[in-house]
Amino acid sequence: MQALLAIVAILMFGVAVFAFQNPDSVTVRFLHWQLSATVAVVTIASAAAGALAAALASLAARFVRWTRRPAPSARDNAPVTPPPPTAPPQSHP
């Protein structure tokens, strides 16, 4: 888990460095929308959108696994009884 957090931190640092080294203004067009912003804003917004999409996909996969678990049967809920005692072996003189 710590390795994953370290990788995410390194990637976030790389995105931040890239974004702030490119302060130029750009125009982003998507369907009928148009937005003028700096490369930093566009880069950070797209990284955040990608992280959100990955988190939602992960949650969806966990939800599917959780809902597909088989329901416990009556046998699974039955009390556990110990095996019947066995007679000790008889010794022959």
PDB file of N, CA and C in Angstrom:
ATOM      1  N   MET A   1       0.817  -1.185   0.000  1.00  0.00           N
ATOM      2  CA  MET A   1       0.000   0.000   0.000  1.00  0.00           C
ATOM      3  C   MET A   1       0.866   1.256   0.000  1.00  0.00           C
ATOM      4  N   GLN A   2       1.965   1.206   0.731  1.00  0.00           N
ATOM      5  CA  GLN A   2       2.856   2.363   0.782  1.00  0.00           C
ATOM      6  C   GLN A   2       3.530   2.590  -0.569  1.00  0.00           C
ATOM      7  N   ALA A   3       3.826   1.507  -1.277  1.00  0.00           N
ATOM      8  CA  ALA A   3       4.436   1.651  -2.601  1.00  0.00           C
ATOM      9  C   ALA A   3       3.455   2.313  -3.566  1.00  0.00           C
ATOM     10  N   LEU A   4       2.187   1.948  -3.478  1.00  0.00           N
ATOM     11  CA  LEU A   4       1.175   2.556  -4.335  1.00  0.00           C
ATOM     12  C   LEU A   4       1.041   4.050  -4.036  1.00  0.00           C
ATOM     13  N   LEU A   5       1.038   4.407  -2.774  1.00  0.00           N
ATOM     14  CA  LEU A   5       0.963   5.819  -2.406  1.00  0.00           C
ATOM     15  C   LEU A   5       2.191   6.590  -2.886  1.00  0.00           C
ATOM     16  N   ALA A   6       3.358   5.969  -2.826  1.00  0.00           N
ATOM     17  CA  ALA A   6       4.576   6.624  -3.311  1.00  0.00           C
ATOM     18  C   ALA A   6       4.500   6.845  -4.818  1.00  0.00           C
ATOM     19  N   ILE A   7       3.998   5.869  -5.554  1.00  0.00           N
ATOM     20  CA  ILE A   7       3.868   6.010  -7.010  1.00  0.00           C
ATOM     21  C   ILE A   7       2.878   7.122  -7.348  1.00  0.00           C
ATOM     22  N   VAL A   8       1.757   7.159  -6.651  1.00  0.00           N
ATOM     23  CA  VAL A   8       0.761   8.207  -6.886  1.00  0.00           C
ATOM     24  C   VAL A   8       1.349   9.586  -6.574  1.00  0.00           C
ATOM     25  N   ALA A   9       2.098   9.689  -5.495  1.00  0.00           N
ATOM     26  CA  ALA A   9       2.716  10.970  -5.135  1.00  0.00           C
ATOM     27  C   ALA A   9       3.712  11.416  -6.199  1.00  0.00           C
ATOM     28  N   ILE A  10       4.501  10.499  -6.721  1.00  0.00           N
ATOM     29  CA  ILE A  10       5.465  10.834  -7.768  1.00  0.00           C
ATOM     30  C   ILE A  10       4.739  11.292  -9.028  1.00  0.00           C
ATOM     31  N   LEU A  11       3.669  10.590  -9.398  1.00  0.00           N
ATOM     32  CA  LEU A  11       2.908  10.989 -10.580  1.00  0.00           C
ATOM     33  C   LEU A  11       2.265  12.364 -10.402  1.00  0.00           C
ATOM     34  N   MET A  12       1.719  12.611  -9.223  1.00  0.00           N
ATOM     35  CA  MET A  12       1.117  13.923  -8.955  1.00  0.00           C
ATOM     36  C   MET A  12       2.171  15.028  -9.025  1.00  0.00           C
ATOM     37  N   PHE A  13       3.341  14.757  -8.500  1.00  0.00           N
ATOM     38  CA  PHE A  13       4.426  15.730  -8.561  1.00  0.00           C
ATOM     39  C   PHE A  13       4.812  16.015 -10.014  1.00  0.00           C
ATOM     40  N   GLY A  14       4.899  14.960 -10.822  1.00  0.00           N
ATOM     41  CA  GLY A  14       5.232  15.129 -12.235  1.00  0.00           C
ATOM     42  C   GLY A  14       4.193  15.944 -12.984  1.00  0.00           C
ATOM     43  N   VAL A  15       2.921  15.696 -12.707  1.00  0.00           N
ATOM     44  CA  VAL A  15       1.855  16.466 -13.343  1.00  0.00           C
ATOM     45  C   VAL A  15       1.937  17.923 -12.922  1.00  0.00           C
ATOM     46  N   ALA A  16       2.183  18.172 -11.654  1.00  0.00           N
ATOM     47  CA  ALA A  16       2.280  19.556 -11.166  1.00  0.00           C
ATOM     48  C   ALA A  16       3.457  20.281 -11.800  1.00  0.00           C
ATOM     49  N   VAL A  17       4.605  19.628 -11.903  1.00  0.00           N
ATOM     50  CA  VAL A  17       5.778  20.260 -12.522  1.00  0.00           C
ATOM     51  C   VAL A  17       5.491  20.573 -13.982  1.00  0.00           C
ATOM     52  N   PHE A  18       4.914  19.613 -14.695  1.00  0.00           N
ATOM     53  CA  PHE A  18       4.581  19.842 -16.105  1.00  0.00           C
ATOM     54  C   PHE A  18       3.605  21.002 -16.257  1.00  0.00           C
ATOM     55  N   ALA A  19       2.584  21.016 -15.409  1.00  0.00           N
ATOM     56  CA  ALA A  19       1.550  22.045 -15.517  1.00  0.00           C
ATOM     57  C   ALA A  19       2.115  23.434 -15.281  1.00  0.00           C
ATOM     58  N   PHE A  20       2.924  23.593 -14.271  1.00  0.00           N
ATOM     59  CA  PHE A  20       3.409  24.921 -13.936  1.00  0.00           C
ATOM     60  C   PHE A  20       4.593  25.375 -14.778  1.00  0.00           C
ATOM     61  N   GLN A  21       5.197  24.467 -15.533  1.00  0.00           N
ATOM     62  CA  GLN A  21       6.242  24.880 -16.467  1.00  0.00           C
ATOM     63  C   GLN A  21       5.657  25.286 -17.820  1.00  0.00           C
ATOM     64  N   ASN A  22       4.344  25.118 -17.982  1.00  0.00           N
ATOM     65  CA  ASN A  22       3.679  25.472 -19.228  1.00  0.00           C
ATOM     66  C   ASN A  22       2.545  26.455 -18.935  1.00  0.00           C
ATOM     67  N   PRO A  23       2.882  27.736 -18.697  1.00  0.00           N
ATOM     68  CA  PRO A  23       1.855  28.700 -18.307  1.00  0.00           C
ATOM     69  C   PRO A  23       1.079  29.308 -19.486  1.00  0.00           C
ATOM     70  N   ASP A  24       1.287  28.810 -20.689  1.00  0.00           N
ATOM     71  CA  ASP A  24       0.617  29.378 -21.860  1.00  0.00           C
ATOM     72  C   ASP A  24      -0.893  29.169 -21.784  1.00  0.00           C
ATOM     73  N   SER A  25      -1.620  30.057 -22.432  1.00  0.00           N
ATOM     74  CA  SER A  25      -3.067  29.946 -22.492  1.00  0.00           C
ATOM     75  C   SER A  25      -3.458  29.080 -23.685  1.00  0.00           C
ATOM     76  N   VAL A  26      -4.419  28.216 -23.492  1.00  0.00           N
ATOM     77  CA  VAL A  26      -4.902  27.337 -24.557  1.00  0.00           C
ATOM     78  C   VAL A  26      -6.422  27.413 -24.600  1.00  0.00           C
ATOM     79  N   THR A  27      -6.974  27.023 -25.743  1.00  0.00           N
ATOM     80  CA  THR A  27      -8.421  26.939 -25.901  1.00  0.00           C
ATOM     81  C   THR A  27      -8.786  25.473 -26.054  1.00  0.00           C
ATOM     82  N   VAL A  28      -9.674  25.010 -25.206  1.00  0.00           N
ATOM     83  CA  VAL A  28     -10.122  23.619 -25.233  1.00  0.00           C
ATOM     84  C   VAL A  28     -11.548  23.607 -25.764  1.00  0.00           C
ATOM     85  N   ARG A  29     -11.784  22.783 -26.780  1.00  0.00           N
ATOM     86  CA  ARG A  29     -13.125  22.649 -27.353  1.00  0.00           C
ATOM     87  C   ARG A  29     -13.604  21.221 -27.151  1.00  0.00           C
ATOM     88  N   PHE A  30     -14.842  21.081 -26.675  1.00  0.00           N
ATOM     89  CA  PHE A  30     -15.453  19.768 -26.497  1.00  0.00           C
ATOM     90  C   PHE A  30     -16.924  19.895 -26.865  1.00  0.00           C
ATOM     91  N   LEU A  31     -17.324  19.204 -27.906  1.00  0.00           N
ATOM     92  CA  LEU A  31     -18.677  19.298 -28.456  1.00  0.00           C
ATOM     93  C   LEU A  31     -19.003  20.768 -28.731  1.00  0.00           C
ATOM     94  N   HIS A  32     -19.954  21.345 -28.008  1.00  0.00           N
ATOM     95  CA  HIS A  32     -20.309  22.747 -28.237  1.00  0.00           C
ATOM     96  C   HIS A  32     -19.684  23.679 -27.207  1.00  0.00           C
ATOM     97  N   TRP A  33     -18.899  23.148 -26.309  1.00  0.00           N
ATOM     98  CA  TRP A  33     -18.295  23.964 -25.267  1.00  0.00           C
ATOM     99  C   TRP A  33     -16.916  24.425 -25.700  1.00  0.00           C
ATOM    100  N   GLN A  34     -16.551  25.593 -25.213  1.00  0.00           N
ATOM    101  CA  GLN A  34     -15.230  26.137 -25.493  1.00  0.00           C
ATOM    102  C   GLN A  34     -14.726  26.806 -24.228  1.00  0.00           C
ATOM    103  N   LEU A  35     -13.471  26.515 -23.864  1.00  0.00           N
ATOM    104  CA  LEU A  35     -12.896  27.037 -22.633  1.00  0.00           C
ATOM    105  C   LEU A  35     -11.485  27.532 -22.912  1.00  0.00           C
ATOM    106  N   SER A  36     -11.176  28.725 -22.462  1.00  0.00           N
ATOM    107  CA  SER A  36      -9.815  29.245 -22.552  1.00  0.00           C
ATOM    108  C   SER A  36      -9.221  29.250 -21.154  1.00  0.00           C
ATOM    109  N   ALA A  37      -8.101  28.568 -20.988  1.00  0.00           N
ATOM    110  CA  ALA A  37      -7.448  28.472 -19.686  1.00  0.00           C
ATOM    111  C   ALA A  37      -5.966  28.207 -19.914  1.00  0.00           C
ATOM    112  N   THR A  38      -5.206  28.245 -18.835  1.00  0.00           N
ATOM    113  CA  THR A  38      -3.780  27.934 -18.941  1.00  0.00           C
ATOM    114  C   THR A  38      -3.590  26.426 -19.020  1.00  0.00           C
ATOM    115  N   VAL A  39      -2.424  26.041 -19.511  1.00  0.00           N
ATOM    116  CA  VAL A  39      -2.102  24.619 -19.599  1.00  0.00           C
ATOM    117  C   VAL A  39      -2.112  23.994 -18.204  1.00  0.00           C
ATOM    118  N   ALA A  40      -1.728  24.756 -17.194  1.00  0.00           N
ATOM    119  CA  ALA A  40      -1.719  24.233 -15.823  1.00  0.00           C
ATOM    120  C   ALA A  40      -3.116  23.832 -15.385  1.00  0.00           C
ATOM    121  N   VAL A  41      -4.085  24.688 -15.633  1.00  0.00           N
ATOM    122  CA  VAL A  41      -5.460  24.395 -15.232  1.00  0.00           C
ATOM    123  C   VAL A  41      -5.996  23.190 -15.992  1.00  0.00           C
ATOM    124  N   VAL A  42      -5.755  23.156 -17.296  1.00  0.00           N
ATOM    125  CA  VAL A  42      -6.251  22.057 -18.120  1.00  0.00           C
ATOM    126  C   VAL A  42      -5.593  20.738 -17.710  1.00  0.00           C
ATOM    127  N   THR A  43      -4.297  20.764 -17.455  1.00  0.00           N
ATOM    128  CA  THR A  43      -3.576  19.550 -17.073  1.00  0.00           C
ATOM    129  C   THR A  43      -4.055  19.025 -15.725  1.00  0.00           C
ATOM    130  N   ILE A  44      -4.169  19.893 -14.747  1.00  0.00           N
ATOM    131  CA  ILE A  44      -4.597  19.462 -13.415  1.00  0.00           C
ATOM    132  C   ILE A  44      -6.049  18.993 -13.447  1.00  0.00           C
ATOM    133  N   ALA A  45      -6.899  19.678 -14.211  1.00  0.00           N
ATOM    134  CA  ALA A  45      -8.303  19.259 -14.311  1.00  0.00           C
ATOM    135  C   ALA A  45      -8.426  17.893 -14.984  1.00  0.00           C
ATOM    136  N   SER A  46      -7.638  17.663 -16.028  1.00  0.00           N
ATOM    137  CA  SER A  46      -7.721  16.374 -16.707  1.00  0.00           C
ATOM    138  C   SER A  46      -7.145  15.249 -15.836  1.00  0.00           C
ATOM    139  N   ALA A  47      -6.098  15.532 -15.071  1.00  0.00           N
ATOM    140  CA  ALA A  47      -5.556  14.521 -14.149  1.00  0.00           C
ATOM    141  C   ALA A  47      -6.567  14.205 -13.055  1.00  0.00           C
ATOM    142  N   ALA A  48      -7.245  15.226 -12.547  1.00  0.00           N
ATOM    143  CA  ALA A  48      -8.267  14.997 -11.516  1.00  0.00           C
ATOM    144  C   ALA A  48      -9.440  14.210 -12.085  1.00  0.00           C
ATOM    145  N   ALA A  49      -9.851  14.516 -13.317  1.00  0.00           N
ATOM    146  CA  ALA A  49     -10.942  13.772 -13.945  1.00  0.00           C
ATOM    147  C   ALA A  49     -10.546  12.308 -14.165  1.00  0.00           C
ATOM    148  N   GLY A  50      -9.307  12.072 -14.556  1.00  0.00           N
ATOM    149  CA  GLY A  50      -8.836  10.694 -14.730  1.00  0.00           C
ATOM    150  C   GLY A  50      -8.791   9.934 -13.415  1.00  0.00           C
ATOM    151  N   ALA A  51      -8.339  10.597 -12.351  1.00  0.00           N
ATOM    152  CA  ALA A  51      -8.309   9.949 -11.037  1.00  0.00           C
ATOM    153  C   ALA A  51      -9.717   9.635 -10.557  1.00  0.00           C
ATOM    154  N   LEU A  52     -10.658  10.550 -10.795  1.00  0.00           N
ATOM    155  CA  LEU A  52     -12.044  10.318 -10.406  1.00  0.00           C
ATOM    156  C   LEU A  52     -12.637   9.152 -11.194  1.00  0.00           C
ATOM    157  N   ALA A  53     -12.359   9.088 -12.485  1.00  0.00           N
ATOM    158  CA  ALA A  53     -12.852   7.982 -13.308  1.00  0.00           C
ATOM    159  C   ALA A  53     -12.283   6.647 -12.837  1.00  0.00           C
ATOM    160  N   ALA A  54     -11.004   6.617 -12.494  1.00  0.00           N
ATOM    161  CA  ALA A  54     -10.385   5.384 -12.003  1.00  0.00           C
ATOM    162  C   ALA A  54     -10.986   4.968 -10.665  1.00  0.00           C
ATOM    163  N   ALA A  55     -11.239   5.933  -9.793  1.00  0.00           N
ATOM    164  CA  ALA A  55     -11.833   5.618  -8.491  1.00  0.00           C
ATOM    165  C   ALA A  55     -13.245   5.085  -8.655  1.00  0.00           C
ATOM    166  N   LEU A  56     -14.027   5.685  -9.543  1.00  0.00           N
ATOM    167  CA  LEU A  56     -15.387   5.200  -9.773  1.00  0.00           C
ATOM    168  C   LEU A  56     -15.391   3.806 -10.392  1.00  0.00           C
ATOM    169  N   ALA A  57     -14.463   3.538 -11.304  1.00  0.00           N
ATOM    170  CA  ALA A  57     -14.371   2.209 -11.898  1.00  0.00           C
ATOM    171  C   ALA A  57     -13.990   1.174 -10.844  1.00  0.00           C
ATOM    172  N   SER A  58     -13.091   1.530  -9.953  1.00  0.00           N
ATOM    173  CA  SER A  58     -12.690   0.621  -8.883  1.00  0.00           C
ATOM    174  C   SER A  58     -13.850   0.347  -7.937  1.00  0.00           C
ATOM    175  N   LEU A  59     -14.598   1.389  -7.590  1.00  0.00           N
ATOM    176  CA  LEU A  59     -15.755   1.195  -6.720  1.00  0.00           C
ATOM    177  C   LEU A  59     -16.822   0.348  -7.394  1.00  0.00           C
ATOM    178  N   ALA A  60     -17.011   0.540  -8.690  1.00  0.00           N
ATOM    179  CA  ALA A  60     -17.994  -0.265  -9.413  1.00  0.00           C
ATOM    180  C   ALA A  60     -17.592  -1.737  -9.422  1.00  0.00           C
ATOM    181  N   ALA A  61     -16.314  -2.005  -9.628  1.00  0.00           N
ATOM    182  CA  ALA A  61     -15.845  -3.393  -9.627  1.00  0.00           C
ATOM    183  C   ALA A  61     -16.027  -4.023  -8.249  1.00  0.00           C
ATOM    184  N   ARG A  62     -15.735  -3.284  -7.193  1.00  0.00           N
ATOM    185  CA  ARG A  62     -15.932  -3.812  -5.842  1.00  0.00           C
ATOM    186  C   ARG A  62     -17.403  -4.059  -5.563  1.00  0.00           C
ATOM    187  N   PHE A  63     -18.269  -3.176  -6.034  1.00  0.00           N
ATOM    188  CA  PHE A  63     -19.696  -3.334  -5.817  1.00  0.00           C
ATOM    189  C   PHE A  63     -20.206  -4.583  -6.528  1.00  0.00           C
ATOM    190  N   VAL A  64     -19.735  -4.819  -7.746  1.00  0.00           N
ATOM    191  CA  VAL A  64     -20.154  -6.013  -8.490  1.00  0.00           C
ATOM    192  C   VAL A  64     -19.700  -7.269  -7.768  1.00  0.00           C
ATOM    193  N   ARG A  65     -18.458  -7.294  -7.285  1.00  0.00           N
ATOM    194  CA  ARG A  65     -17.983  -8.466  -6.537  1.00  0.00           C
ATOM    195  C   ARG A  65     -18.795  -8.671  -5.276  1.00  0.00           C
ATOM    196  N   TRP A  66     -19.150  -7.591  -4.611  1.00  0.00           N
ATOM    197  CA  TRP A  66     -19.895  -7.686  -3.359  1.00  0.00           C
ATOM    198  C   TRP A  66     -21.302  -8.214  -3.598  1.00  0.00           C
ATOM    199  N   THR A  67     -21.952  -7.785  -4.670  1.00  0.00           N
ATOM    200  CA  THR A  67     -23.312  -8.216  -4.937  1.00  0.00           C
ATOM    201  C   THR A  67     -23.378  -9.619  -5.517  1.00  0.00           C
ATOM    202  N   ARG A  68     -22.311 -10.132  -6.060  1.00  0.00           N
ATOM    203  CA  ARG A  68     -22.315 -11.480  -6.642  1.00  0.00           C
ATOM    204  C   ARG A  68     -21.910 -12.561  -5.651  1.00  0.00           C
ATOM    205  N   ARG A  69     -21.664 -12.207  -4.416  1.00  0.00           N
ATOM    206  CA  ARG A  69     -21.333 -13.228  -3.418  1.00  0.00           C
ATOM    207  C   ARG A  69     -22.538 -14.122  -3.194  1.00  0.00           C
ATOM    208  N   PRO A  70     -22.326 -15.433  -3.098  1.00  0.00           N
ATOM    209  CA  PRO A  70     -23.476 -16.316  -2.855  1.00  0.00           C
ATOM    210  C   PRO A  70     -24.028 -16.094  -1.448  1.00  0.00           C
ATOM    211  N   ALA A  71     -25.335 -16.220  -1.358  1.00  0.00           N
ATOM    212  CA  ALA A  71     -25.979 -16.069  -0.056  1.00  0.00           C
ATOM    213  C   ALA A  71     -25.596 -17.256   0.821  1.00  0.00           C
ATOM    214  N   PRO A  72     -25.428 -17.040   2.110  1.00  0.00           N
ATOM    215  CA  PRO A  72     -25.084 -18.163   2.988  1.00  0.00           C
ATOM    216  C   PRO A  72     -26.243 -19.149   3.051  1.00  0.00           C
ATOM    217  N   SER A  73     -25.900 -20.415   3.017  1.00  0.00           N
ATOM    218  CA  SER A  73     -26.938 -21.447   3.084  1.00  0.00           C
ATOM    219  C   SER A  73     -27.243 -21.773   4.545  1.00  0.00           C
ATOM    220  N   ALA A  74     -28.308 -22.535   4.739  1.00  0.00           N
ATOM    221  CA  ALA A  74     -28.694 -22.925   6.101  1.00  0.00           C
ATOM    222  C   ALA A  74     -27.609 -23.791   6.726  1.00  0.00           C
ATOM    223  N   ARG A  75     -26.936 -24.571   5.900  1.00  0.00           N
ATOM    224  CA  ARG A  75     -25.877 -25.436   6.419  1.00  0.00           C
ATOM    225  C   ARG A  75     -24.709 -24.616   6.959  1.00  0.00           C
ATOM    226  N   ASP A  76     -24.432 -23.471   6.309  1.00  0.00           N
ATOM    227  CA  ASP A  76     -23.347 -22.619   6.769  1.00  0.00           C
ATOM    228  C   ASP A  76     -23.643 -22.001   8.128  1.00  0.00           C
ATOM    229  N   ASN A  77     -24.932 -21.823   8.432  1.00  0.00           N
ATOM    230  CA  ASN A  77     -25.317 -21.190   9.683  1.00  0.00           C
ATOM    231  C   ASN A  77     -25.611 -22.196  10.791  1.00  0.00           C
ATOM    232  N   ALA A  78     -25.543 -23.492  10.482  1.00  0.00           N
ATOM    233  CA  ALA A  78     -25.838 -24.517  11.485  1.00  0.00           C
ATOM    234  C   ALA A  78     -24.743 -24.524  12.550  1.00  0.00           C
ATOM    235  N   PRO A  79     -25.123 -24.812  13.797  1.00  0.00           N
ATOM    236  CA  PRO A  79     -24.095 -24.855  14.842  1.00  0.00           C
ATOM    237  C   PRO A  79     -23.134 -26.019  14.601  1.00  0.00           C
ATOM    238  N   VAL A  80     -21.924 -25.792  14.961  1.00  0.00           N
ATOM    239  CA  VAL A  80     -20.896 -26.819  14.787  1.00  0.00           C
ATOM    240  C   VAL A  80     -20.953 -27.753  15.983  1.00  0.00           C
ATOM    241  N   THR A  81     -21.123 -29.038  15.705  1.00  0.00           N
ATOM    242  CA  THR A  81     -21.154 -30.029  16.788  1.00  0.00           C
ATOM    243  C   THR A  81     -19.875 -30.835  16.733  1.00  0.00           C
ATOM    244  N   PRO A  82     -19.324 -31.130  17.889  1.00  0.00           N
ATOM    245  CA  PRO A  82     -18.087 -31.921  17.887  1.00  0.00           C
ATOM    246  C   PRO A  82     -18.394 -33.364  17.487  1.00  0.00           C
ATOM    247  N   PRO A  83     -17.422 -34.079  16.979  1.00  0.00           N
ATOM    248  CA  PRO A  83     -17.652 -35.478  16.605  1.00  0.00           C
ATOM    249  C   PRO A  83     -17.913 -36.309  17.858  1.00  0.00           C
ATOM    250  N   PRO A  84     -18.617 -37.417  17.695  1.00  0.00           N
ATOM    251  CA  PRO A  84     -18.911 -38.250  18.873  1.00  0.00           C
ATOM    252  C   PRO A  84     -17.613 -38.811  19.454  1.00  0.00           C
ATOM    253  N   PRO A  85     -17.595 -38.983  20.783  1.00  0.00           N
ATOM    254  CA  PRO A  85     -16.352 -39.516  21.392  1.00  0.00           C
ATOM    255  C   PRO A  85     -16.118 -40.957  20.959  1.00  0.00           C
ATOM    256  N   THR A  86     -14.857 -41.275  20.835  1.00  0.00           N
ATOM    257  CA  THR A  86     -14.512 -42.652  20.460  1.00  0.00           C
ATOM    258  C   THR A  86     -13.949 -43.338  21.694  1.00  0.00           C
ATOM    259  N   ALA A  87     -14.161 -44.658  21.732  1.00  0.00           N
ATOM    260  CA  ALA A  87     -13.670 -45.434  22.877  1.00  0.00           C
ATOM    261  C   ALA A  87     -12.154 -45.567  22.753  1.00  0.00           C
ATOM    262  N   PRO A  88     -11.464 -45.505  23.898  1.00  0.00           N
ATOM    263  CA  PRO A  88     -10.006 -45.655  23.837  1.00  0.00           C
ATOM    264  C   PRO A  88      -9.657 -47.085  23.396  1.00  0.00           C
ATOM    265  N   PRO A  89      -8.568 -47.268  22.733  1.00  0.00           N
ATOM    266  CA  PRO A  89      -8.185 -48.619  22.316  1.00  0.00           C
ATOM    267  C   PRO A  89      -7.913 -49.512  23.523  1.00  0.00           C
ATOM    268  N   GLN A  90      -8.361 -50.754  23.404  1.00  0.00           N
ATOM    269  CA  GLN A  90      -8.150 -51.708  24.514  1.00  0.00           C
ATOM    270  C   GLN A  90      -6.759 -52.302  24.392  1.00  0.00           C
ATOM    271  N   SER A  91      -6.136 -52.412  25.526  1.00  0.00           N
ATOM    272  CA  SER A  91      -4.812 -53.006  25.526  1.00  0.00           C
ATOM    273  C   SER A  91      -4.915 -54.488  25.829  1.00  0.00           C
ATOM    274  N   HIS A  92      -4.104 -55.302  25.206  1.00  0.00           N
ATOM    275  CA  HIS A  92      -4.085 -56.759  25.416  1.00  0.00           C
ATOM    276  C   HIS A  92      -2.881 -57.124  26.259  1.00  0.00           C
ATOM    277  N   PRO A  93      -3.126 -57.826  27.371  1.00  0.00           N
ATOM    278  CA  PRO A  93      -1.965 -58.189  28.224  1.00  0.00           C
ATOM    279  C   PRO A  93      -1.131 -59.301  27.694  1.00  0.00           C
TER     280      PRO A  93
END
